[in-house]
Structure formats: C-alpha cells, structure tokens
PDB file of N, CA and C in Angstrom:
ATOM      1  N   MET A   1       1.112   1.108 -12.498  1.00  0.00           N
ATOM      2  CA  MET A   1       0.718   0.967 -11.428  1.00  0.00           C
ATOM      3  C   MET A   1       1.846   0.279 -10.380  1.00  0.00           C
ATOM      4  N   GLY A   2       1.901  -1.333 -10.500  1.00  0.00           N
ATOM      5  CA  GLY A   2       3.231  -1.927 -10.036  1.00  0.00           C
ATOM      6  C   GLY A   2       2.453  -2.587  -9.136  1.00  0.00           C
ATOM      7  N   TYR A   3       3.674  -3.893  -8.765  1.00  0.00           N
ATOM      8  CA  TYR A   3       3.271  -4.788  -7.974  1.00  0.00           C
ATOM      9  C   TYR A   3       3.762  -4.868  -6.703  1.00  0.00           C
ATOM     10  N   THR A   4       2.509  -5.235  -5.973  1.00  0.00           N
ATOM     11  CA  THR A   4       2.180  -4.923  -4.604  1.00  0.00           C
ATOM     12  C   THR A   4       2.123  -5.887  -3.447  1.00  0.00           C
ATOM     13  N   ASN A   5       2.849  -5.827  -2.242  1.00  0.00           N
ATOM     14  CA  ASN A   5       2.449  -6.885  -1.260  1.00  0.00           C
ATOM     15  C   ASN A   5       1.725  -5.976   0.013  1.00  0.00           C
ATOM     16  N   TYR A   6       0.555  -6.828   0.359  1.00  0.00           N
ATOM     17  CA  TYR A   6      -0.705  -6.678   1.148  1.00  0.00           C
ATOM     18  C   TYR A   6      -0.919  -6.901   2.535  1.00  0.00           C
ATOM     19  N   TYR A   7      -0.763  -6.752   3.262  1.00  0.00           N
ATOM     20  CA  TYR A   7      -1.015  -7.385   4.609  1.00  0.00           C
ATOM     21  C   TYR A   7      -2.088  -6.445   5.879  1.00  0.00           C
ATOM     22  N   TYR A   8      -2.652  -7.761   6.765  1.00  0.00           N
ATOM     23  CA  TYR A   8      -3.281  -6.679   7.253  1.00  0.00           C
ATOM     24  C   TYR A   8      -3.206  -7.255   8.903  1.00  0.00           C
ATOM     25  N   GLN A   9      -2.646  -6.417   9.654  1.00  0.00           N
ATOM     26  CA  GLN A   9      -2.149  -6.664  10.711  1.00  0.00           C
ATOM     27  C   GLN A   9      -3.320  -6.493  12.074  1.00  0.00           C
ATOM     28  N   GLU A  10      -4.012  -7.504  12.499  1.00  0.00           N
ATOM     29  CA  GLU A  10      -5.113  -7.237  13.196  1.00  0.00           C
ATOM     30  C   GLU A  10      -5.273  -6.969  14.913  1.00  0.00           C
ATOM     31  N   ARG A  11      -3.577  -7.045  15.352  1.00  0.00           N
ATOM     32  CA  ARG A  11      -3.287  -7.284  16.518  1.00  0.00           C
ATOM     33  C   ARG A  11      -1.310  -6.787  16.777  1.00  0.00           C
ATOM     34  N   ASP A  12      -1.350  -6.448  18.062  1.00  0.00           N
ATOM     35  CA  ASP A  12       0.589  -6.192  18.111  1.00  0.00           C
ATOM     36  C   ASP A  12       0.680  -7.304  18.386  1.00  0.00           C
ATOM     37  N   PHE A  13       2.369  -7.210  18.081  1.00  0.00           N
ATOM     38  CA  PHE A  13       2.628  -8.939  18.255  1.00  0.00           C
ATOM     39  C   PHE A  13       3.324  -8.568  19.575  1.00  0.00           C
ATOM     40  N   THR A  14       3.319 -10.012  20.389  1.00  0.00           N
ATOM     41  CA  THR A  14       3.920  -9.977  21.797  1.00  0.00           C
ATOM     42  C   THR A  14       5.143  -9.874  21.952  1.00  0.00           C
ATOM     43  N   VAL A  15       6.024  -9.646  22.786  1.00  0.00           N
ATOM     44  CA  VAL A  15       7.281  -9.718  22.514  1.00  0.00           C
ATOM     45  C   VAL A  15       7.943 -10.390  22.136  1.00  0.00           C
ATOM     46  N   ASP A  16       7.511 -12.036  22.708  1.00  0.00           N
ATOM     47  CA  ASP A  16       8.260 -12.997  22.334  1.00  0.00           C
ATOM     48  C   ASP A  16       8.214 -13.396  20.520  1.00  0.00           C
ATOM     49  N   GLU A  17       6.683 -13.092  20.073  1.00  0.00           N
ATOM     50  CA  GLU A  17       6.661 -12.931  19.142  1.00  0.00           C
ATOM     51  C   GLU A  17       7.315 -12.143  17.712  1.00  0.00           C
ATOM     52  N   TRP A  18       7.258 -10.296  18.549  1.00  0.00           N
ATOM     53  CA  TRP A  18       8.610 -10.067  17.834  1.00  0.00           C
ATOM     54  C   TRP A  18       9.813 -10.371  17.800  1.00  0.00           C
ATOM     55  N   LYS A  19      10.317 -10.755  19.014  1.00  0.00           N
ATOM     56  CA  LYS A  19      11.846 -11.256  18.660  1.00  0.00           C
ATOM     57  C   LYS A  19      12.317 -12.241  17.723  1.00  0.00           C
ATOM     58  N   LEU A  20      11.020 -13.159  17.511  1.00  0.00           N
ATOM     59  CA  LEU A  20      10.774 -14.364  16.519  1.00  0.00           C
ATOM     60  C   LEU A  20      10.882 -13.283  14.999  1.00  0.00           C
ATOM     61  N   VAL A  21      10.065 -12.621  14.703  1.00  0.00           N
ATOM     62  CA  VAL A  21      10.018 -11.672  13.633  1.00  0.00           C
ATOM     63  C   VAL A  21      11.125 -10.995  13.440  1.00  0.00           C
ATOM     64  N   VAL A  22      12.119 -10.424  14.252  1.00  0.00           N
ATOM     65  CA  VAL A  22      13.293  -9.898  14.034  1.00  0.00           C
ATOM     66  C   VAL A  22      14.636 -10.757  13.636  1.00  0.00           C
ATOM     67  N   ASN A  23      14.812 -11.854  14.475  1.00  0.00           N
ATOM     68  CA  ASN A  23      15.078 -13.082  14.120  1.00  0.00           C
ATOM     69  C   ASN A  23      15.026 -13.238  12.509  1.00  0.00           C
ATOM     70  N   GLU A  24      14.221 -13.264  12.071  1.00  0.00           N
ATOM     71  CA  GLU A  24      14.117 -13.428  10.137  1.00  0.00           C
ATOM     72  C   GLU A  24      14.314 -12.337   9.925  1.00  0.00           C
ATOM     73  N   ALA A  25      13.987 -11.316  10.308  1.00  0.00           N
ATOM     74  CA  ALA A  25      14.905  -9.704   9.095  1.00  0.00           C
ATOM     75  C   ALA A  25      16.449 -10.230   9.384  1.00  0.00           C
ATOM     76  N   ASP A  26      17.155 -10.393  11.017  1.00  0.00           N
ATOM     77  CA  ASP A  26      18.331 -10.476  10.675  1.00  0.00           C
ATOM     78  C   ASP A  26      18.779 -11.377  10.246  1.00  0.00           C
ATOM     79  N   TYR A  27      18.375 -12.441   9.506  1.00  0.00           N
ATOM     80  CA  TYR A  27      18.765 -13.239   8.388  1.00  0.00           C
ATOM     81  C   TYR A  27      18.333 -13.116   7.336  1.00  0.00           C
ATOM     82  N   LEU A  28      17.723 -11.806   6.596  1.00  0.00           N
ATOM     83  CA  LEU A  28      17.665 -11.695   5.674  1.00  0.00           C
ATOM     84  C   LEU A  28      18.433 -10.353   5.350  1.00  0.00           C
ATOM     85  N   LYS A  29      19.196  -9.912   6.441  1.00  0.00           N
ATOM     86  CA  LYS A  29      20.063  -8.664   6.834  1.00  0.00           C
ATOM     87  C   LYS A  29      21.776  -9.724   6.362  1.00  0.00           C
ATOM     88  N   GLU A  30      21.485 -10.825   6.878  1.00  0.00           N
ATOM     89  CA  GLU A  30      22.516 -11.660   6.538  1.00  0.00           C
ATOM     90  C   GLU A  30      22.983 -12.160   5.680  1.00  0.00           C
ATOM     91  N   LEU A  31      21.506 -12.201   4.244  1.00  0.00           N
ATOM     92  CA  LEU A  31      21.834 -12.442   3.157  1.00  0.00           C
ATOM     93  C   LEU A  31      21.950 -11.414   1.962  1.00  0.00           C
ATOM     94  N   GLY A  32      21.760 -10.322   2.738  1.00  0.00           N
ATOM     95  CA  GLY A  32      22.707  -8.992   1.895  1.00  0.00           C
ATOM     96  C   GLY A  32      21.461  -7.773   1.720  1.00  0.00           C
ATOM     97  N   TYR A  33      19.938  -8.039   2.081  1.00  0.00           N
ATOM     98  CA  TYR A  33      18.986  -7.353   1.562  1.00  0.00           C
ATOM     99  C   TYR A  33      19.228  -5.829   2.558  1.00  0.00           C
ATOM    100  N   SER A  34      18.522  -5.299   2.339  1.00  0.00           N
ATOM    101  CA  SER A  34      18.590  -4.272   2.770  1.00  0.00           C
ATOM    102  C   SER A  34      17.805  -3.485   4.136  1.00  0.00           C
ATOM    103  N   VAL A  35      18.182  -4.330   5.409  1.00  0.00           N
ATOM    104  CA  VAL A  35      16.951  -4.185   6.475  1.00  0.00           C
ATOM    105  C   VAL A  35      17.640  -3.905   8.062  1.00  0.00           C
ATOM    106  N   MET A  36      16.990  -3.022   8.525  1.00  0.00           N
ATOM    107  CA  MET A  36      17.230  -2.018   9.675  1.00  0.00           C
ATOM    108  C   MET A  36      16.188  -2.836  10.307  1.00  0.00           C
ATOM    109  N   ALA A  37      16.699  -3.789  11.546  1.00  0.00           N
ATOM    110  CA  ALA A  37      16.334  -4.392  12.301  1.00  0.00           C
ATOM    111  C   ALA A  37      17.444  -4.701  13.604  1.00  0.00           C
ATOM    112  N   GLY A  38      16.092  -4.576  15.118  1.00  0.00           N
ATOM    113  CA  GLY A  38      16.870  -5.178  16.317  1.00  0.00           C
ATOM    114  C   GLY A  38      15.944  -5.080  17.384  1.00  0.00           C
ATOM    115  N   GLN A  39      16.471  -5.767  17.917  1.00  0.00           N
ATOM    116  CA  GLN A  39      15.505  -6.625  19.105  1.00  0.00           C
ATOM    117  C   GLN A  39      14.887  -5.518  20.063  1.00  0.00           C
ATOM    118  N   ASP A  40      16.116  -4.282  19.986  1.00  0.00           N
ATOM    119  CA  ASP A  40      15.230  -3.488  21.039  1.00  0.00           C
ATOM    120  C   ASP A  40      14.569  -2.305  20.297  1.00  0.00           C
ATOM    121  N   MET A  41      13.950  -2.499  18.899  1.00  0.00           N
ATOM    122  CA  MET A  41      13.110  -1.883  17.809  1.00  0.00           C
ATOM    123  C   MET A  41      11.809  -2.351  18.101  1.00  0.00           C
ATOM    124  N   ASP A  42      10.988  -1.481  17.612  1.00  0.00           N
ATOM    125  CA  ASP A  42       9.781  -1.711  17.582  1.00  0.00           C
ATOM    126  C   ASP A  42       8.991  -1.691  16.058  1.00  0.00           C
ATOM    127  N   GLU A  43      10.270  -1.269  15.090  1.00  0.00           N
ATOM    128  CA  GLU A  43       9.518  -1.216  13.538  1.00  0.00           C
ATOM    129  C   GLU A  43      11.003  -2.319  12.906  1.00  0.00           C
ATOM    130  N   ILE A  44      10.628  -2.515  11.974  1.00  0.00           N
ATOM    131  CA  ILE A  44      11.211  -3.378  10.719  1.00  0.00           C
ATOM    132  C   ILE A  44      11.360  -2.320   9.405  1.00  0.00           C
ATOM    133  N   LEU A  45      12.874  -2.112   8.753  1.00  0.00           N
ATOM    134  CA  LEU A  45      12.358  -1.351   7.697  1.00  0.00           C
ATOM    135  C   LEU A  45      13.530  -1.954   6.388  1.00  0.00           C
ATOM    136  N   ILE A  46      12.731  -2.662   5.420  1.00  0.00           N
ATOM    137  CA  ILE A  46      13.458  -3.065   4.363  1.00  0.00           C
ATOM    138  C   ILE A  46      13.004  -2.245   2.930  1.00  0.00           C
ATOM    139  N   SER A  47      14.360  -1.966   2.484  1.00  0.00           N
ATOM    140  CA  SER A  47      14.254  -0.767   1.931  1.00  0.00           C
ATOM    141  C   SER A  47      14.295  -1.518   0.282  1.00  0.00           C
ATOM    142  N   GLY A  48      14.319  -1.078  -0.820  1.00  0.00           N
ATOM    143  CA  GLY A  48      14.441  -1.161  -2.202  1.00  0.00           C
ATOM    144  C   GLY A  48      14.388  -0.211  -2.886  1.00  0.00           C
ATOM    145  N   ASP A  49      14.412  -0.538  -4.231  1.00  0.00           N
ATOM    146  CA  ASP A  49      14.198   0.121  -4.984  1.00  0.00           C
ATOM    147  C   ASP A  49      12.976   0.759  -5.191  1.00  0.00           C
ATOM    148  N   CYS A  50      11.898   0.618  -5.034  1.00  0.00           N
ATOM    149  CA  CYS A  50      10.725   1.314  -5.058  1.00  0.00           C
ATOM    150  C   CYS A  50      10.544   1.600  -3.188  1.00  0.00           C
ATOM    151  N   GLU A  51       9.364   1.392  -3.384  1.00  0.00           N
ATOM    152  CA  GLU A  51       8.732   1.428  -1.820  1.00  0.00           C
ATOM    153  C   GLU A  51       9.278   0.720  -0.263  1.00  0.00           C
ATOM    154  N   ALA A  52       9.782   1.308   0.448  1.00  0.00           N
ATOM    155  CA  ALA A  52      10.215   0.514   1.637  1.00  0.00           C
ATOM    156  C   ALA A  52       8.945  -0.021   2.231  1.00  0.00           C
ATOM    157  N   LEU A  53       9.235  -1.120   3.227  1.00  0.00           N
ATOM    158  CA  LEU A  53       8.190  -2.032   3.834  1.00  0.00           C
ATOM    159  C   LEU A  53       8.820  -1.762   5.653  1.00  0.00           C
ATOM    160  N   LEU A  54       7.790  -1.018   5.648  1.00  0.00           N
ATOM    161  CA  LEU A  54       7.916  -0.269   7.499  1.00  0.00           C
ATOM    162  C   LEU A  54       6.749  -1.357   8.314  1.00  0.00           C
ATOM    163  N   LEU A  55       8.002  -2.459   9.171  1.00  0.00           N
ATOM    164  CA  LEU A  55       6.571  -3.390  10.025  1.00  0.00           C
ATOM    165  C   LEU A  55       6.471  -2.814  11.010  1.00  0.00           C
ATOM    166  N   ARG A  56       5.683  -2.676  11.821  1.00  0.00           N
ATOM    167  CA  ARG A  56       5.610  -2.583  13.116  1.00  0.00           C
ATOM    168  C   ARG A  56       5.198  -3.197  14.444  1.00  0.00           C
ATOM    169  N   LYS A  57       5.601  -3.149  15.528  1.00  0.00           N
ATOM    170  CA  LYS A  57       5.494  -4.528  16.513  1.00  0.00           C
ATOM    171  C   LYS A  57       4.032  -3.728  16.884  1.00  0.00           C
ATOM    172  N   GLN A  58       3.943  -2.947  17.055  1.00  0.00           N
ATOM    173  CA  GLN A  58       2.389  -2.322  17.086  1.00  0.00           C
ATOM    174  C   GLN A  58       1.974  -1.848  15.923  1.00  0.00           C
ATOM    175  N   ARG A  59       0.175  -2.638  16.111  1.00  0.00           N
ATOM    176  CA  ARG A  59      -0.436  -1.686  14.734  1.00  0.00           C
ATOM    177  C   ARG A  59      -0.808  -0.017  14.771  1.00  0.00           C
ATOM    178  N   ARG A  60      -0.909  -0.149  13.609  1.00  0.00           N
ATOM    179  CA  ARG A  60      -1.299   1.150  13.643  1.00  0.00           C
ATOM    180  C   ARG A  60      -2.553   1.816  14.514  1.00  0.00           C
ATOM    181  N   THR A  61      -2.481   2.992  15.390  1.00  0.00           N
ATOM    182  CA  THR A  61      -3.872   3.763  15.852  1.00  0.00           C
ATOM    183  C   THR A  61      -3.806   4.985  15.799  1.00  0.00           C
ATOM    184  N   GLU A  62      -3.323   5.667  14.367  1.00  0.00           N
ATOM    185  CA  GLU A  62      -3.433   7.020  14.446  1.00  0.00           C
ATOM    186  C   GLU A  62      -4.085   6.827  12.780  1.00  0.00           C
ATOM    187  N   LYS A  63      -5.497   6.979  12.026  1.00  0.00           N
ATOM    188  CA  LYS A  63      -6.008   7.627  10.993  1.00  0.00           C
ATOM    189  C   LYS A  63      -5.649   8.519  10.742  1.00  0.00           C
ATOM    190  N   HIS A  64      -5.161   7.895   8.874  1.00  0.00           N
ATOM    191  CA  HIS A  64      -4.879   9.199   8.133  1.00  0.00           C
ATOM    192  C   HIS A  64      -6.051   9.907   7.386  1.00  0.00           C
ATOM    193  N   TYR A  65      -7.196   9.068   7.691  1.00  0.00           N
ATOM    194  CA  TYR A  65      -8.258   9.788   6.755  1.00  0.00           C
ATOM    195  C   TYR A  65      -9.473   8.689   7.484  1.00  0.00           C
ATOM    196  N   GLU A  66     -10.970   9.588   7.287  1.00  0.00           N
ATOM    197  CA  GLU A  66     -11.964   9.156   7.849  1.00  0.00           C
ATOM    198  C   GLU A  66     -12.437   7.703   7.813  1.00  0.00           C
ATOM    199  N   ASP A  67     -12.350   6.740   6.861  1.00  0.00           N
ATOM    200  CA  ASP A  67     -12.415   5.735   6.615  1.00  0.00           C
ATOM    201  C   ASP A  67     -10.893   4.414   6.105  1.00  0.00           C
ATOM    202  N   ASP A  68      -9.976   5.205   7.216  1.00  0.00           N
ATOM    203  CA  ASP A  68      -8.862   4.465   7.128  1.00  0.00           C
ATOM    204  C   ASP A  68      -9.075   3.274   8.105  1.00  0.00           C
ATOM    205  N   ASN A  69      -8.414   1.977   7.115  1.00  0.00           N
ATOM    206  CA  ASN A  69      -8.516   0.691   8.183  1.00  0.00           C
ATOM    207  C   ASN A  69      -7.114   0.442   8.706  1.00  0.00           C
ATOM    208  N   LEU A  70      -7.187   0.786  10.048  1.00  0.00           N
ATOM    209  CA  LEU A  70      -5.882   0.661  11.112  1.00  0.00           C
ATOM    210  C   LEU A  70      -5.189  -0.179  10.554  1.00  0.00           C
ATOM    211  N   SER A  71      -5.946  -1.884   9.982  1.00  0.00           N
ATOM    212  CA  SER A  71      -4.971  -2.858   9.961  1.00  0.00           C
ATOM    213  C   SER A  71      -4.055  -3.170   8.701  1.00  0.00           C
ATOM    214  N   PHE A  72      -4.516  -2.118   7.920  1.00  0.00           N
ATOM    215  CA  PHE A  72      -4.043  -1.869   6.396  1.00  0.00           C
ATOM    216  C   PHE A  72      -2.370  -1.926   6.568  1.00  0.00           C
ATOM    217  N   GLY A  73      -1.874  -2.813   5.647  1.00  0.00           N
ATOM    218  CA  GLY A  73      -0.721  -1.854   5.009  1.00  0.00           C
ATOM    219  C   GLY A  73      -0.148  -2.806   3.951  1.00  0.00           C
ATOM    220  N   PHE A  74       0.772  -1.867   2.996  1.00  0.00           N
ATOM    221  CA  PHE A  74       1.265  -2.874   1.770  1.00  0.00           C
ATOM    222  C   PHE A  74       2.675  -2.157   1.412  1.00  0.00           C
ATOM    223  N   CYS A  75       3.270  -2.443   0.494  1.00  0.00           N
ATOM    224  CA  CYS A  75       4.796  -2.285   0.366  1.00  0.00           C
ATOM    225  C   CYS A  75       4.704  -2.643  -1.750  1.00  0.00           C
ATOM    226  N   LYS A  76       4.666  -1.607  -2.300  1.00  0.00           N
ATOM    227  CA  LYS A  76       4.945  -1.887  -3.795  1.00  0.00           C
ATOM    228  C   LYS A  76       6.578  -2.045  -3.736  1.00  0.00           C
ATOM    229  N   THR A  77       6.891  -3.196  -4.590  1.00  0.00           N
ATOM    230  CA  THR A  77       8.222  -3.497  -5.026  1.00  0.00           C
ATOM    231  C   THR A  77       8.310  -3.380  -6.542  1.00  0.00           C
ATOM    232  N   ARG A  78       7.262  -3.189  -7.304  1.00  0.00           N
ATOM    233  CA  ARG A  78       7.578  -3.381  -8.536  1.00  0.00           C
ATOM    234  C   ARG A  78       8.431  -4.592  -9.523  1.00  0.00           C
ATOM    235  N   MET A  79       8.175  -5.881  -8.173  1.00  0.00           N
ATOM    236  CA  MET A  79       8.732  -7.040  -8.094  1.00  0.00           C
ATOM    237  C   MET A  79      10.878  -6.600  -8.266  1.00  0.00           C
ATOM    238  N   ALA A  80      10.623  -6.034  -7.647  1.00  0.00           N
ATOM    239  CA  ALA A  80      12.107  -5.792  -7.706  1.00  0.00           C
ATOM    240  C   ALA A  80      13.127  -7.043  -6.959  1.00  0.00           C
ATOM    241  N   GLN A  81      14.466  -6.664  -7.012  1.00  0.00           N
ATOM    242  CA  GLN A  81      15.501  -7.922  -6.431  1.00  0.00           C
ATOM    243  C   GLN A  81      14.782  -7.962  -4.889  1.00  0.00           C
ATOM    244  N   TYR A  82      14.597  -6.244  -4.191  1.00  0.00           N
ATOM    245  CA  TYR A  82      14.251  -6.911  -2.527  1.00  0.00           C
ATOM    246  C   TYR A  82      12.697  -7.199  -2.382  1.00  0.00           C
ATOM    247  N   ASP A  83      11.681  -7.507  -3.238  1.00  0.00           N
ATOM    248  CA  ASP A  83      10.500  -8.320  -3.325  1.00  0.00           C
ATOM    249  C   ASP A  83      10.261  -9.748  -2.359  1.00  0.00           C
ATOM    250  N   LEU A  84      11.737 -10.486  -2.647  1.00  0.00           N
ATOM    251  CA  LEU A  84      11.439 -11.447  -1.842  1.00  0.00           C
ATOM    252  C   LEU A  84      11.651 -11.708  -0.772  1.00  0.00           C
ATOM    253  N   ALA A  85      12.589 -10.522  -0.133  1.00  0.00           N
ATOM    254  CA  ALA A  85      12.536 -10.283   1.049  1.00  0.00           C
ATOM    255  C   ALA A  85      11.502  -9.867   1.995  1.00  0.00           C
ATOM    256  N   VAL A  86      10.549  -8.976   1.291  1.00  0.00           N
ATOM    257  CA  VAL A  86       9.409  -8.300   1.562  1.00  0.00           C
ATOM    258  C   VAL A  86       8.598  -9.250   1.865  1.00  0.00           C
ATOM    259  N   TRP A  87       8.201 -10.731   0.546  1.00  0.00           N
ATOM    260  CA  TRP A  87       7.084 -11.246   0.587  1.00  0.00           C
ATOM    261  C   TRP A  87       7.674 -12.455   1.856  1.00  0.00           C
ATOM    262  N   TYR A  88       9.004 -12.855   2.496  1.00  0.00           N
ATOM    263  CA  TYR A  88       9.602 -14.029   2.978  1.00  0.00           C
ATOM    264  C   TYR A  88       9.121 -13.020   4.279  1.00  0.00           C
ATOM    265  N   LEU A  89       9.064 -11.987   4.977  1.00  0.00           N
ATOM    266  CA  LEU A  89       9.018 -11.665   5.983  1.00  0.00           C
ATOM    267  C   LEU A  89       8.059 -11.410   6.418  1.00  0.00           C
ATOM    268  N   LEU A  90       6.363 -10.940   5.424  1.00  0.00           N
ATOM    269  CA  LEU A  90       5.338 -11.080   5.548  1.00  0.00           C
ATOM    270  C   LEU A  90       4.572 -12.433   5.945  1.00  0.00           C
ATOM    271  N   CYS A  91       5.176 -13.420   5.074  1.00  0.00           N
ATOM    272  CA  CYS A  91       5.230 -14.286   4.802  1.00  0.00           C
ATOM    273  C   CYS A  91       5.461 -15.207   6.719  1.00  0.00           C
ATOM    274  N   SER A  92       6.356 -14.795   6.986  1.00  0.00           N
ATOM    275  CA  SER A  92       6.807 -15.550   8.370  1.00  0.00           C
ATOM    276  C   SER A  92       5.767 -15.043   9.107  1.00  0.00           C
ATOM    277  N   CYS A  93       5.422 -13.487   8.918  1.00  0.00           N
ATOM    278  CA  CYS A  93       4.581 -13.258  10.113  1.00  0.00           C
ATOM    279  C   CYS A  93       3.135 -14.099   9.827  1.00  0.00           C
ATOM    280  N   ASN A  94       2.795 -14.182   9.103  1.00  0.00           N
ATOM    281  CA  ASN A  94       1.747 -14.795   8.667  1.00  0.00           C
ATOM    282  C   ASN A  94       1.390 -16.278   9.245  1.00  0.00           C
ATOM    283  N   GLN A  95       2.435 -16.861   9.338  1.00  0.00           N
ATOM    284  CA  GLN A  95       3.249 -18.158   9.981  1.00  0.00           C
ATOM    285  C   GLN A  95       2.986 -18.169  11.487  1.00  0.00           C
ATOM    286  N   LEU A  96       3.330 -17.217  11.796  1.00  0.00           N
ATOM    287  CA  LEU A  96       3.331 -16.934  13.176  1.00  0.00           C
ATOM    288  C   LEU A  96       1.798 -16.212  13.628  1.00  0.00           C
ATOM    289  N   LEU A  97       0.997 -15.478  13.000  1.00  0.00           N
ATOM    290  CA  LEU A  97       0.110 -14.841  13.593  1.00  0.00           C
ATOM    291  C   LEU A  97      -1.305 -15.743  13.105  1.00  0.00           C
ATOM    292  N   GLY A  98      -1.119 -16.115  11.789  1.00  0.00           N
ATOM    293  CA  GLY A  98      -2.199 -16.531  11.285  1.00  0.00           C
ATOM    294  C   GLY A  98      -2.863 -15.942  11.066  1.00  0.00           C
ATOM    295  N   GLU A  99      -4.196 -15.739  11.031  1.00  0.00           N
ATOM    296  CA  GLU A  99      -5.815 -14.877  10.535  1.00  0.00           C
ATOM    297  C   GLU A  99      -5.455 -13.522  11.403  1.00  0.00           C
ATOM    298  N   ASP A 100      -4.390 -13.433  12.369  1.00  0.00           N
ATOM    299  CA  ASP A 100      -4.403 -12.096  12.958  1.00  0.00           C
ATOM    300  C   ASP A 100      -3.359 -10.876  12.366  1.00  0.00           C
ATOM    301  N   PHE A 101      -2.923 -12.030  11.325  1.00  0.00           N
ATOM    302  CA  PHE A 101      -1.973 -11.235  10.398  1.00  0.00           C
ATOM    303  C   PHE A 101      -2.009 -11.599   8.500  1.00  0.00           C
ATOM    304  N   ARG A 102      -3.147 -11.518   8.182  1.00  0.00           N
ATOM    305  CA  ARG A 102      -3.067 -11.804   6.822  1.00  0.00           C
ATOM    306  C   ARG A 102      -2.404 -11.041   5.610  1.00  0.00           C
ATOM    307  N   ILE A 103      -1.887 -11.924   4.142  1.00  0.00           N
ATOM    308  CA  ILE A 103      -1.192 -11.479   3.609  1.00  0.00           C
ATOM    309  C   ILE A 103      -1.667 -11.812   2.373  1.00  0.00           C
ATOM    310  N   GLY A 104      -1.308 -10.564   1.359  1.00  0.00           N
ATOM    311  CA  GLY A 104      -1.662 -11.006  -0.069  1.00  0.00           C
ATOM    312  C   GLY A 104      -0.801 -10.143  -0.900  1.00  0.00           C
ATOM    313  N   ARG A 105      -0.998 -10.522  -2.210  1.00  0.00           N
ATOM    314  CA  ARG A 105      -0.095  -9.801  -3.779  1.00  0.00           C
ATOM    315  C   ARG A 105      -0.589  -9.625  -4.963  1.00  0.00           C
ATOM    316  N   ASP A 106       0.034  -8.679  -5.201  1.00  0.00           N
ATOM    317  CA  ASP A 106      -0.340  -8.853  -7.108  1.00  0.00           C
ATOM    318  C   ASP A 106       0.285 -10.161  -7.801  1.00  0.00           C
ATOM    319  N   ARG A 107      -1.058 -10.931  -8.463  1.00  0.00           N
ATOM    320  CA  ARG A 107      -0.709 -11.666  -9.628  1.00  0.00           C
ATOM    321  C   ARG A 107      -0.402 -11.352 -10.638  1.00  0.00           C
TER     322      ARG A 107
END
C-alpha cells in the first residue's frame, strides 16, 4: 500500500496566509526539492518518486463521487526522500490554520 500523508483543508487560505505558505514552499525549493510555487499561483506542487502533493489556495468544490469529502486530501510518498518536504509543508499549513487544516500520516 505505502506510506501516506493526509490533510483536511476546511477553508480557503486568505491572501496573506497563502503568501506565507508559498514562502515555505520557496524555502523547500531552495533546499533542492522539486517544488512548483509562486506568489501569483493558486497551487503548490511537490513532486517526488511516488505521488505528488497538490496543495490549493482554495479548497476543492467539485465532488468526484457522491460521498466525497471535499476537505480531504492525501499524498502517498512511500517515505521517499521528498516525504520530509511534503510533511514540512503540511505542518506549516496546520500551524498557520490550526483546526481548519488538520493533518495526519501513516505510522
């Protein structure tokens, strides 16, 4: 199955909050991780050896199936090297938004 990071984004990021998240993503890029981010972008992509993390400024609004939880997101990394970057960014979002951005991961 594989090691997976989970998150629940209960609301959109504000403009100021998103700037802080993008700054953290830029920091990860400086450390050598494969990160696509920018102040004019509404998405951040961290790619690696398994699934990519796609983090959006606005939470999802379109259901993929009837019981789809629009706040739920995940990224399976299989504990590859980029897992640290994924977890770092998710922790940064959790620290910024608190209960509006809950995180978890396989143990």
